[in-house]
Amino acid sequence: MSESNKPVRKYRANGVVVSVWENDGAKGNYHTFSLQRVFKDSEGNWKTSPNLRAGDLPTASELFRQAFLDFGIKSMGQAGDEIPF
């Protein structure tokens, strides 16, 4: 992850969060993506979990779709990239 250790972008909806991280690699910068669900426990404290409920799946899918549109398509079109298939 980057030196700031903060995501470069977050997508949020209905308690689901997709974070985009910028990383430095031998061939230049690249992005990775993480998923978590945010909720309050029985005592009212905020918690996070990597696990989703069935009802969270459409939201997660839509957030990842938007992240792909914003980051995935751009990186696939960079000069010098070789697509193996």
Foldseek 3Di string as FASTA:
>chain_A
DDPVPAFPDWDDDPQKIKGWHWDADPVGIAIDIAIWGWDADPVRDIDIDSDDDPVCVVVVVVRVVVVCVVHVVVVCPDPPDDDPD
